[in-house]
Amino acid sequence: QVQLVESGGGLVQAGGSLRLSCTASISIFSMGWYRQAPGKQRDLVASITTGGRTNYADSVKGRFTISRDNAKNTVYLQMDSLRPEDTGVYYCRADYLNYWGQGTQVTVSS
């Protein structure tokens, strides 16, 4: 059983920043952040491998940065220039293993 513990969500004004963290109980090759807005499906925001290869949704390129500390089994999502449309529950996922964190709410007010 893989455990993923997320933190860092909250309420912020448009243009502000937040940093999310997700710590896994084991080393995981690829970890991703996904977002689920109210009434919508859960979509990929960004992912990163242990080697540092990253992938971003077009909507967050240039604003969000995913990184990881392999020694701590932790992945981070730095979110800058936040927009109201970034609002949603953000989930950490162990890609390929398909384990999910409990989710953390991010709300961006206009």
Foldseek 3Di string as FASTA:
>chain_A
DKAKAKDWADEEAAQAKIKMKIFIPDQFFKKFKWFDAPPGDIGTAKMAGPVGDMDGDPVQPPFWDWDADRVRNMIMIIGGRDDQVRWGWMWMARPPVGDIYPTDTHGYHD
